[in-house]
N, C-alpha and C. Protein backbone atom coordinates (compact mmCIF):
# COMPACT_ATOMS: atom_id res chain seq x y z
N MET A 1 11.50 -12.12 31.70
CA MET A 1 10.89 -10.82 31.52
C MET A 1 9.41 -10.94 31.90
N THR A 2 8.98 -10.14 32.84
CA THR A 2 7.59 -10.19 33.26
C THR A 2 6.69 -9.61 32.16
N GLU A 3 5.42 -9.98 32.20
CA GLU A 3 4.46 -9.43 31.22
C GLU A 3 4.36 -7.92 31.34
N GLN A 4 4.40 -7.42 32.58
CA GLN A 4 4.32 -5.98 32.80
C GLN A 4 5.52 -5.27 32.16
N HIS A 5 6.72 -5.82 32.35
CA HIS A 5 7.93 -5.22 31.77
C HIS A 5 7.90 -5.32 30.25
N LYS A 6 7.40 -6.45 29.75
CA LYS A 6 7.31 -6.64 28.30
C LYS A 6 6.34 -5.61 27.69
N THR A 7 5.19 -5.40 28.35
CA THR A 7 4.21 -4.43 27.86
C THR A 7 4.80 -3.03 27.90
N HIS A 8 5.44 -2.68 29.00
CA HIS A 8 6.07 -1.36 29.13
C HIS A 8 7.10 -1.15 28.02
N THR A 9 7.95 -2.13 27.80
CA THR A 9 9.01 -2.00 26.80
C THR A 9 8.43 -1.93 25.40
N SER A 10 7.39 -2.72 25.13
CA SER A 10 6.74 -2.69 23.82
C SER A 10 6.14 -1.31 23.54
N LYS A 11 5.50 -0.72 24.55
CA LYS A 11 4.93 0.63 24.38
C LYS A 11 6.04 1.66 24.16
N LEU A 12 7.14 1.52 24.88
CA LEU A 12 8.27 2.42 24.69
C LEU A 12 8.85 2.27 23.28
N LEU A 13 8.97 1.04 22.80
CA LEU A 13 9.47 0.82 21.44
C LEU A 13 8.53 1.44 20.41
N SER A 14 7.22 1.32 20.63
CA SER A 14 6.26 1.96 19.72
C SER A 14 6.48 3.46 19.68
N LEU A 15 6.68 4.04 20.85
CA LEU A 15 6.92 5.48 20.92
C LEU A 15 8.17 5.87 20.14
N VAL A 16 9.28 5.22 20.41
CA VAL A 16 10.54 5.67 19.80
C VAL A 16 10.72 5.22 18.36
N LEU A 17 10.12 4.10 17.96
CA LEU A 17 10.29 3.63 16.59
C LEU A 17 9.20 4.13 15.64
N ARG A 18 8.11 4.70 16.18
CA ARG A 18 7.02 5.18 15.33
C ARG A 18 6.82 6.69 15.41
N HIS A 19 7.07 7.26 16.57
CA HIS A 19 6.65 8.64 16.79
C HIS A 19 7.75 9.60 17.27
N SER A 20 8.59 9.16 18.15
CA SER A 20 9.48 10.10 18.83
C SER A 20 10.84 9.49 19.15
N PRO A 21 11.65 9.23 18.12
CA PRO A 21 12.97 8.62 18.37
C PRO A 21 13.86 9.50 19.26
N GLN A 22 13.64 10.81 19.22
CA GLN A 22 14.45 11.72 20.01
C GLN A 22 14.25 11.52 21.51
N THR A 23 13.17 10.84 21.91
CA THR A 23 12.92 10.57 23.33
C THR A 23 14.12 9.88 23.98
N ILE A 24 14.78 8.99 23.23
CA ILE A 24 15.96 8.32 23.76
C ILE A 24 17.20 8.63 22.91
N ALA A 25 17.13 9.71 22.15
CA ALA A 25 18.28 10.21 21.38
C ALA A 25 18.78 9.22 20.33
N ILE A 26 17.82 8.61 19.59
CA ILE A 26 18.21 7.79 18.44
C ILE A 26 17.71 8.48 17.18
N THR A 27 18.24 8.05 16.06
CA THR A 27 17.82 8.59 14.77
C THR A 27 17.45 7.42 13.87
N LEU A 28 16.24 7.48 13.30
CA LEU A 28 15.81 6.47 12.34
C LEU A 28 16.35 6.86 10.97
N ASP A 29 16.71 5.85 10.16
CA ASP A 29 17.12 6.19 8.79
C ASP A 29 15.87 6.47 7.96
N GLU A 30 16.06 6.79 6.69
CA GLU A 30 14.93 7.20 5.85
C GLU A 30 13.85 6.14 5.72
N ASN A 31 14.19 4.87 5.99
CA ASN A 31 13.23 3.78 5.90
C ASN A 31 12.75 3.30 7.27
N GLY A 32 13.05 4.06 8.31
CA GLY A 32 12.57 3.75 9.65
C GLY A 32 13.45 2.80 10.45
N TRP A 33 14.59 2.41 9.93
CA TRP A 33 15.48 1.46 10.62
C TRP A 33 16.41 2.19 11.59
N VAL A 34 16.78 1.49 12.65
CA VAL A 34 17.83 1.93 13.56
C VAL A 34 18.64 0.67 13.92
N ALA A 35 19.95 0.84 14.11
CA ALA A 35 20.78 -0.29 14.50
C ALA A 35 20.33 -0.81 15.87
N VAL A 36 20.23 -2.12 15.98
CA VAL A 36 19.81 -2.74 17.24
C VAL A 36 20.78 -2.33 18.35
N SER A 37 22.07 -2.33 18.06
CA SER A 37 23.06 -1.95 19.08
C SER A 37 22.85 -0.52 19.55
N GLU A 38 22.52 0.40 18.63
CA GLU A 38 22.26 1.80 18.99
C GLU A 38 21.01 1.90 19.86
N LEU A 39 19.97 1.16 19.49
CA LEU A 39 18.72 1.17 20.26
C LEU A 39 18.96 0.66 21.68
N LEU A 40 19.63 -0.48 21.82
CA LEU A 40 19.86 -1.06 23.14
C LEU A 40 20.71 -0.15 24.01
N THR A 41 21.74 0.48 23.42
CA THR A 41 22.59 1.41 24.16
C THR A 41 21.79 2.62 24.62
N ALA A 42 20.98 3.18 23.72
CA ALA A 42 20.17 4.35 24.07
C ALA A 42 19.15 4.02 25.15
N LEU A 43 18.53 2.86 25.06
CA LEU A 43 17.58 2.45 26.10
C LEU A 43 18.28 2.36 27.46
N GLN A 44 19.46 1.75 27.48
CA GLN A 44 20.21 1.62 28.74
C GLN A 44 20.58 2.99 29.29
N GLN A 45 20.99 3.91 28.42
CA GLN A 45 21.37 5.25 28.87
C GLN A 45 20.18 6.03 29.42
N HIS A 46 18.97 5.59 29.09
CA HIS A 46 17.76 6.24 29.58
C HIS A 46 17.05 5.38 30.64
N ASN A 47 17.83 4.56 31.33
CA ASN A 47 17.34 3.71 32.43
C ASN A 47 16.22 2.78 32.00
N GLU A 48 16.31 2.29 30.78
CA GLU A 48 15.32 1.34 30.26
C GLU A 48 16.05 0.13 29.69
N ALA A 49 16.95 -0.46 30.46
CA ALA A 49 17.80 -1.54 29.98
C ALA A 49 16.98 -2.71 29.45
N VAL A 50 17.33 -3.14 28.25
CA VAL A 50 16.70 -4.28 27.59
C VAL A 50 17.83 -5.10 26.96
N THR A 51 17.80 -6.39 27.13
CA THR A 51 18.81 -7.24 26.51
C THR A 51 18.38 -7.59 25.09
N LEU A 52 19.32 -8.07 24.31
CA LEU A 52 19.00 -8.50 22.95
C LEU A 52 17.99 -9.64 22.99
N THR A 53 18.14 -10.56 23.92
CA THR A 53 17.19 -11.68 24.05
C THR A 53 15.79 -11.17 24.35
N GLU A 54 15.68 -10.18 25.25
CA GLU A 54 14.37 -9.61 25.57
C GLU A 54 13.77 -8.89 24.37
N LEU A 55 14.60 -8.16 23.62
CA LEU A 55 14.13 -7.47 22.42
C LEU A 55 13.62 -8.48 21.40
N GLU A 56 14.36 -9.56 21.22
CA GLU A 56 13.93 -10.61 20.28
C GLU A 56 12.60 -11.22 20.71
N GLU A 57 12.42 -11.41 22.01
CA GLU A 57 11.16 -11.96 22.55
C GLU A 57 9.99 -11.01 22.26
N ILE A 58 10.21 -9.72 22.47
CA ILE A 58 9.16 -8.73 22.23
C ILE A 58 8.77 -8.73 20.75
N VAL A 59 9.75 -8.72 19.88
CA VAL A 59 9.46 -8.72 18.44
C VAL A 59 8.70 -9.99 18.05
N ALA A 60 9.13 -11.12 18.57
CA ALA A 60 8.52 -12.41 18.20
C ALA A 60 7.12 -12.60 18.77
N THR A 61 6.86 -12.03 19.95
CA THR A 61 5.60 -12.34 20.62
C THR A 61 4.60 -11.20 20.62
N ASN A 62 4.94 -10.04 20.08
CA ASN A 62 4.00 -8.92 20.06
C ASN A 62 2.76 -9.32 19.27
N SER A 63 1.60 -9.26 19.90
CA SER A 63 0.37 -9.75 19.28
C SER A 63 0.01 -8.99 18.01
N LYS A 64 0.47 -7.77 17.90
CA LYS A 64 0.15 -6.96 16.71
C LYS A 64 1.30 -6.94 15.72
N GLN A 65 2.37 -7.68 16.04
CA GLN A 65 3.55 -7.74 15.17
C GLN A 65 3.97 -6.34 14.72
N ARG A 66 4.13 -5.45 15.67
CA ARG A 66 4.44 -4.05 15.39
C ARG A 66 5.87 -3.83 14.90
N PHE A 67 6.79 -4.75 15.22
CA PHE A 67 8.20 -4.53 14.95
C PHE A 67 8.78 -5.63 14.08
N ALA A 68 9.88 -5.29 13.39
CA ALA A 68 10.56 -6.28 12.55
C ALA A 68 12.06 -6.04 12.59
N PHE A 69 12.80 -7.12 12.56
CA PHE A 69 14.24 -7.05 12.40
C PHE A 69 14.57 -7.11 10.92
N SER A 70 15.71 -6.54 10.54
CA SER A 70 16.22 -6.74 9.19
C SER A 70 16.63 -8.21 9.07
N GLU A 71 16.86 -8.68 7.85
CA GLU A 71 17.19 -10.10 7.65
C GLU A 71 18.41 -10.51 8.46
N ASP A 72 19.41 -9.63 8.59
CA ASP A 72 20.61 -9.95 9.34
C ASP A 72 20.48 -9.68 10.85
N LYS A 73 19.31 -9.21 11.26
CA LYS A 73 18.98 -8.90 12.66
C LYS A 73 19.86 -7.81 13.27
N LEU A 74 20.47 -6.99 12.42
CA LEU A 74 21.31 -5.91 12.92
C LEU A 74 20.53 -4.60 13.06
N ARG A 75 19.34 -4.53 12.44
CA ARG A 75 18.51 -3.33 12.50
C ARG A 75 17.08 -3.73 12.88
N ILE A 76 16.34 -2.74 13.39
CA ILE A 76 14.95 -2.96 13.81
C ILE A 76 14.14 -1.73 13.40
N ARG A 77 12.85 -1.94 13.13
CA ARG A 77 11.94 -0.83 12.85
C ARG A 77 10.51 -1.25 13.19
N ALA A 78 9.64 -0.26 13.24
CA ALA A 78 8.21 -0.51 13.39
C ALA A 78 7.67 -0.86 12.00
N ASN A 79 6.67 -1.74 11.94
CA ASN A 79 6.12 -2.17 10.65
C ASN A 79 5.24 -1.12 9.98
N GLN A 80 4.56 -0.30 10.75
CA GLN A 80 3.72 0.78 10.21
C GLN A 80 3.25 1.62 11.37
N GLY A 81 2.49 2.68 11.07
CA GLY A 81 1.92 3.51 12.12
C GLY A 81 2.77 4.70 12.50
N HIS A 82 3.73 5.04 11.66
CA HIS A 82 4.63 6.15 11.96
C HIS A 82 3.93 7.51 11.87
N SER A 83 4.28 8.38 12.78
CA SER A 83 3.91 9.79 12.64
C SER A 83 5.12 10.60 12.21
N VAL A 84 6.32 10.03 12.33
CA VAL A 84 7.53 10.65 11.79
C VAL A 84 7.66 10.23 10.34
N GLU A 85 8.27 11.07 9.54
CA GLU A 85 8.38 10.82 8.11
C GLU A 85 9.41 9.73 7.83
N VAL A 86 8.93 8.59 7.34
CA VAL A 86 9.80 7.51 6.88
C VAL A 86 9.21 6.93 5.60
N ASP A 87 10.07 6.38 4.77
CA ASP A 87 9.62 5.73 3.55
C ASP A 87 9.78 4.23 3.75
N MET A 88 8.68 3.56 4.00
CA MET A 88 8.71 2.13 4.30
C MET A 88 8.90 1.27 3.04
N LYS A 89 8.94 1.90 1.90
CA LYS A 89 9.13 1.18 0.63
C LYS A 89 8.01 0.16 0.39
N PHE A 90 6.79 0.53 0.79
CA PHE A 90 5.65 -0.34 0.54
C PHE A 90 5.39 -0.40 -0.96
N GLU A 91 5.01 -1.54 -1.44
CA GLU A 91 4.61 -1.68 -2.84
C GLU A 91 3.09 -1.74 -2.90
N ALA A 92 2.54 -1.02 -3.86
CA ALA A 92 1.08 -1.02 -4.02
C ALA A 92 0.61 -2.42 -4.38
N VAL A 93 -0.50 -2.83 -3.76
CA VAL A 93 -1.08 -4.15 -4.03
C VAL A 93 -2.59 -4.01 -4.16
N GLN A 94 -3.20 -4.98 -4.82
CA GLN A 94 -4.65 -4.97 -4.97
C GLN A 94 -5.29 -5.45 -3.67
N PRO A 95 -6.21 -4.66 -3.12
CA PRO A 95 -6.85 -5.06 -1.87
C PRO A 95 -8.01 -6.01 -2.14
N PRO A 96 -8.52 -6.63 -1.07
CA PRO A 96 -9.77 -7.38 -1.22
C PRO A 96 -10.92 -6.42 -1.51
N GLU A 97 -12.05 -6.93 -1.90
CA GLU A 97 -13.21 -6.08 -2.24
C GLU A 97 -13.64 -5.21 -1.07
N GLN A 98 -13.52 -5.74 0.15
CA GLN A 98 -13.91 -4.95 1.32
C GLN A 98 -12.83 -5.03 2.38
N LEU A 99 -12.62 -3.91 3.03
CA LEU A 99 -11.77 -3.83 4.21
C LEU A 99 -12.60 -3.14 5.29
N TYR A 100 -12.07 -3.09 6.51
CA TYR A 100 -12.85 -2.58 7.64
C TYR A 100 -12.03 -1.59 8.46
N HIS A 101 -12.74 -0.67 9.08
CA HIS A 101 -12.09 0.32 9.94
C HIS A 101 -12.90 0.44 11.23
N GLY A 102 -12.25 0.22 12.35
CA GLY A 102 -12.92 0.34 13.65
C GLY A 102 -12.78 1.74 14.20
N THR A 103 -13.87 2.31 14.65
CA THR A 103 -13.88 3.64 15.22
C THR A 103 -14.95 3.68 16.30
N VAL A 104 -15.33 4.87 16.73
CA VAL A 104 -16.41 5.03 17.72
C VAL A 104 -17.43 6.02 17.18
N ALA A 105 -18.63 6.02 17.75
CA ALA A 105 -19.73 6.84 17.25
C ALA A 105 -19.38 8.33 17.19
N ALA A 106 -18.60 8.81 18.13
CA ALA A 106 -18.26 10.24 18.18
C ALA A 106 -17.52 10.72 16.94
N THR A 107 -16.88 9.82 16.21
CA THR A 107 -16.11 10.23 15.02
C THR A 107 -16.90 10.12 13.73
N LEU A 108 -18.08 9.49 13.77
CA LEU A 108 -18.82 9.20 12.54
C LEU A 108 -19.23 10.46 11.76
N GLN A 109 -19.64 11.49 12.46
CA GLN A 109 -20.07 12.70 11.76
C GLN A 109 -18.90 13.32 10.98
N ASN A 110 -17.75 13.42 11.64
CA ASN A 110 -16.57 13.95 10.96
C ASN A 110 -16.19 13.10 9.75
N ILE A 111 -16.17 11.79 9.95
CA ILE A 111 -15.82 10.88 8.85
C ILE A 111 -16.84 11.02 7.73
N GLY A 112 -18.11 11.21 8.08
CA GLY A 112 -19.15 11.40 7.08
C GLY A 112 -18.95 12.63 6.22
N HIS A 113 -18.25 13.63 6.75
CA HIS A 113 -17.97 14.86 6.00
C HIS A 113 -16.63 14.79 5.27
N GLU A 114 -15.62 14.19 5.91
CA GLU A 114 -14.26 14.26 5.40
C GLU A 114 -13.70 12.93 4.90
N GLY A 115 -14.39 11.83 5.15
CA GLY A 115 -13.82 10.52 4.86
C GLY A 115 -12.80 10.16 5.92
N LEU A 116 -12.06 9.09 5.68
CA LEU A 116 -11.01 8.68 6.61
C LEU A 116 -9.70 9.34 6.18
N ARG A 117 -9.07 10.02 7.12
CA ARG A 117 -7.79 10.68 6.85
C ARG A 117 -6.73 10.09 7.77
N ALA A 118 -5.49 10.20 7.36
CA ALA A 118 -4.38 9.63 8.13
C ALA A 118 -4.16 10.36 9.46
N MET A 119 -4.66 11.57 9.58
CA MET A 119 -4.50 12.37 10.79
C MET A 119 -3.00 12.55 11.09
N LYS A 120 -2.51 12.08 12.24
CA LYS A 120 -1.10 12.27 12.60
C LYS A 120 -0.21 11.15 12.06
N ARG A 121 -0.78 10.15 11.47
CA ARG A 121 0.00 9.05 10.91
C ARG A 121 0.24 9.27 9.42
N GLN A 122 1.02 8.40 8.84
CA GLN A 122 1.29 8.50 7.41
C GLN A 122 0.19 7.89 6.56
N HIS A 123 -0.56 6.95 7.13
CA HIS A 123 -1.60 6.25 6.37
C HIS A 123 -2.83 6.01 7.24
N VAL A 124 -3.95 5.78 6.57
CA VAL A 124 -5.15 5.26 7.22
C VAL A 124 -4.94 3.76 7.38
N HIS A 125 -5.26 3.22 8.54
CA HIS A 125 -5.09 1.79 8.82
C HIS A 125 -6.44 1.08 8.67
N LEU A 126 -6.42 -0.01 7.90
CA LEU A 126 -7.63 -0.79 7.66
C LEU A 126 -7.35 -2.25 7.99
N SER A 127 -8.41 -2.97 8.32
CA SER A 127 -8.30 -4.39 8.69
C SER A 127 -8.96 -5.26 7.64
N ALA A 128 -8.43 -6.47 7.51
CA ALA A 128 -8.99 -7.42 6.55
C ALA A 128 -10.24 -8.10 7.09
N ASP A 129 -10.46 -8.02 8.40
CA ASP A 129 -11.63 -8.69 8.98
C ASP A 129 -12.28 -7.79 10.02
N MET A 130 -13.56 -8.05 10.23
CA MET A 130 -14.35 -7.24 11.16
C MET A 130 -13.87 -7.40 12.61
N ALA A 131 -13.43 -8.60 12.98
CA ALA A 131 -13.03 -8.84 14.36
C ALA A 131 -11.84 -7.96 14.75
N THR A 132 -10.88 -7.83 13.85
CA THR A 132 -9.73 -6.97 14.12
C THR A 132 -10.16 -5.51 14.20
N ALA A 133 -11.00 -5.09 13.27
CA ALA A 133 -11.50 -3.70 13.29
C ALA A 133 -12.26 -3.42 14.58
N GLU A 134 -12.99 -4.40 15.06
CA GLU A 134 -13.74 -4.23 16.31
C GLU A 134 -12.79 -4.03 17.49
N LYS A 135 -11.69 -4.79 17.53
CA LYS A 135 -10.70 -4.63 18.60
C LYS A 135 -10.08 -3.23 18.54
N VAL A 136 -9.80 -2.76 17.34
CA VAL A 136 -9.22 -1.43 17.18
C VAL A 136 -10.20 -0.37 17.67
N GLY A 137 -11.43 -0.45 17.26
CA GLY A 137 -12.44 0.52 17.68
C GLY A 137 -12.70 0.48 19.17
N ALA A 138 -12.61 -0.71 19.76
CA ALA A 138 -12.90 -0.87 21.18
C ALA A 138 -11.87 -0.20 22.08
N ARG A 139 -10.72 0.17 21.54
CA ARG A 139 -9.71 0.88 22.34
C ARG A 139 -10.22 2.24 22.80
N HIS A 140 -11.22 2.78 22.09
CA HIS A 140 -11.69 4.13 22.38
C HIS A 140 -13.14 4.19 22.85
N GLY A 141 -13.77 3.05 23.04
CA GLY A 141 -15.16 3.00 23.47
C GLY A 141 -15.91 1.91 22.76
N LYS A 142 -17.22 2.07 22.64
CA LYS A 142 -18.04 1.08 21.94
C LYS A 142 -17.70 1.14 20.44
N PRO A 143 -17.21 0.04 19.88
CA PRO A 143 -16.74 0.09 18.50
C PRO A 143 -17.87 0.19 17.47
N MET A 144 -17.58 0.97 16.44
CA MET A 144 -18.43 1.09 15.27
C MET A 144 -17.57 0.66 14.08
N ILE A 145 -18.07 -0.25 13.28
CA ILE A 145 -17.26 -0.79 12.19
C ILE A 145 -17.71 -0.19 10.86
N LEU A 146 -16.76 0.43 10.17
CA LEU A 146 -17.00 0.96 8.84
C LEU A 146 -16.54 -0.07 7.83
N THR A 147 -17.35 -0.31 6.81
CA THR A 147 -16.96 -1.21 5.72
C THR A 147 -16.48 -0.34 4.57
N ILE A 148 -15.29 -0.64 4.11
CA ILE A 148 -14.66 0.14 3.05
C ILE A 148 -14.76 -0.63 1.74
N ASN A 149 -15.31 0.00 0.72
CA ASN A 149 -15.39 -0.62 -0.61
C ASN A 149 -14.04 -0.45 -1.31
N SER A 150 -13.07 -1.19 -0.79
CA SER A 150 -11.68 -1.03 -1.23
C SER A 150 -11.45 -1.50 -2.66
N GLY A 151 -12.15 -2.54 -3.09
CA GLY A 151 -12.01 -3.00 -4.46
C GLY A 151 -12.42 -1.91 -5.45
N GLU A 152 -13.57 -1.30 -5.21
CA GLU A 152 -14.06 -0.22 -6.06
C GLU A 152 -13.11 0.98 -6.02
N MET A 153 -12.66 1.32 -4.82
CA MET A 153 -11.74 2.44 -4.66
C MET A 153 -10.46 2.19 -5.45
N HIS A 154 -9.95 0.97 -5.37
CA HIS A 154 -8.73 0.59 -6.10
C HIS A 154 -8.95 0.69 -7.61
N ARG A 155 -10.08 0.19 -8.08
CA ARG A 155 -10.38 0.25 -9.52
C ARG A 155 -10.49 1.70 -10.00
N ASN A 156 -10.85 2.61 -9.08
CA ASN A 156 -10.98 4.02 -9.42
C ASN A 156 -9.70 4.81 -9.12
N GLY A 157 -8.60 4.10 -8.89
CA GLY A 157 -7.31 4.77 -8.74
C GLY A 157 -6.75 4.84 -7.33
N GLY A 158 -7.48 4.35 -6.33
CA GLY A 158 -6.97 4.36 -4.96
C GLY A 158 -5.81 3.39 -4.81
N THR A 159 -4.82 3.77 -4.04
CA THR A 159 -3.63 2.95 -3.84
C THR A 159 -3.66 2.34 -2.44
N PHE A 160 -3.36 1.06 -2.37
CA PHE A 160 -3.34 0.32 -1.11
C PHE A 160 -2.01 -0.37 -0.94
N TYR A 161 -1.61 -0.51 0.32
CA TYR A 161 -0.38 -1.21 0.67
C TYR A 161 -0.72 -2.21 1.77
N LEU A 162 0.06 -3.27 1.86
CA LEU A 162 -0.12 -4.26 2.92
C LEU A 162 1.17 -4.31 3.72
N SER A 163 1.08 -3.93 4.99
CA SER A 163 2.28 -3.92 5.84
C SER A 163 2.68 -5.35 6.20
N ALA A 164 3.88 -5.47 6.71
CA ALA A 164 4.42 -6.79 7.06
C ALA A 164 3.58 -7.51 8.11
N ASN A 165 2.82 -6.78 8.91
CA ASN A 165 2.01 -7.41 9.94
C ASN A 165 0.52 -7.50 9.57
N GLY A 166 0.22 -7.34 8.27
CA GLY A 166 -1.13 -7.59 7.80
C GLY A 166 -2.09 -6.42 7.89
N VAL A 167 -1.60 -5.23 8.22
CA VAL A 167 -2.46 -4.05 8.26
C VAL A 167 -2.50 -3.45 6.86
N TRP A 168 -3.71 -3.16 6.39
CA TRP A 168 -3.88 -2.52 5.09
C TRP A 168 -3.77 -1.02 5.27
N LEU A 169 -3.07 -0.36 4.35
CA LEU A 169 -2.80 1.06 4.46
C LEU A 169 -3.21 1.77 3.17
N THR A 170 -3.68 2.99 3.32
CA THR A 170 -3.98 3.85 2.18
C THR A 170 -3.84 5.30 2.66
N ASP A 171 -3.73 6.22 1.72
CA ASP A 171 -3.52 7.62 2.11
C ASP A 171 -4.77 8.23 2.72
N ASN A 172 -5.93 7.91 2.18
CA ASN A 172 -7.21 8.40 2.70
C ASN A 172 -8.32 7.57 2.06
N VAL A 173 -9.50 7.64 2.64
CA VAL A 173 -10.66 6.95 2.09
C VAL A 173 -11.77 7.99 1.94
N PRO A 174 -12.10 8.36 0.70
CA PRO A 174 -13.20 9.30 0.49
C PRO A 174 -14.53 8.71 0.97
N VAL A 175 -15.43 9.57 1.39
CA VAL A 175 -16.74 9.16 1.93
C VAL A 175 -17.46 8.23 0.95
N LEU A 176 -17.30 8.45 -0.33
CA LEU A 176 -17.94 7.66 -1.37
C LEU A 176 -17.73 6.15 -1.20
N TYR A 177 -16.60 5.76 -0.60
CA TYR A 177 -16.26 4.34 -0.48
C TYR A 177 -16.50 3.77 0.92
N ILE A 178 -17.18 4.51 1.77
CA ILE A 178 -17.40 4.08 3.15
C ILE A 178 -18.86 3.72 3.35
N ASN A 179 -19.12 2.53 3.88
CA ASN A 179 -20.47 2.13 4.32
C ASN A 179 -20.51 2.27 5.82
N PHE A 180 -21.41 3.12 6.30
CA PHE A 180 -21.52 3.40 7.73
C PHE A 180 -22.51 2.43 8.37
N PRO A 181 -22.25 2.06 9.63
CA PRO A 181 -23.19 1.17 10.33
C PRO A 181 -24.45 1.92 10.72
N ASP A 182 -25.52 1.16 10.89
CA ASP A 182 -26.73 1.75 11.46
C ASP A 182 -26.41 2.09 12.91
N HIS A 183 -26.93 3.20 13.39
CA HIS A 183 -26.63 3.58 14.78
C HIS A 183 -27.17 2.59 15.79
N GLY A 184 -28.10 1.74 15.39
CA GLY A 184 -28.65 0.74 16.28
C GLY A 184 -27.74 -0.46 16.47
N GLU A 185 -26.67 -0.56 15.65
CA GLU A 185 -25.77 -1.72 15.77
C GLU A 185 -24.94 -1.66 17.00
């Protein structure tokens, strides 16, 4: 499998397993799972043939660990980032004292008024380290890193979840818990 084909297939899997399963006429269950056999058949019927071996390679080597197989490897789902309604059965956990969110300068004013909101996703995505947040922010331009006082937010009733691929999730982050960078950074 070429890198180009792997990237294309990974992006297609993100689309159908996180946002738009109807694109290839599959249905996710309430927890975001779909049978691997159903997925592979649907992909083939939409001229996007992928073998089980190739699918296993994509799941194993995806740098963001976006996908997971069930223990018996008969089902697959995205680890987080859904815009379709699924219940991932995340358990609330205590976050570290600080988490990070990568964004760009154009969004800072809005965030300063509204805090961080999930927007089209089910959760706000946060990173455990600045380097990851910087990579996320850099997708949209010059990254600006917000420091989230997650420990304080948690002590005040905020709920946090940790996805299987290490992304921290919460429903929203009020402005009170966000430290904004200096514009000179």
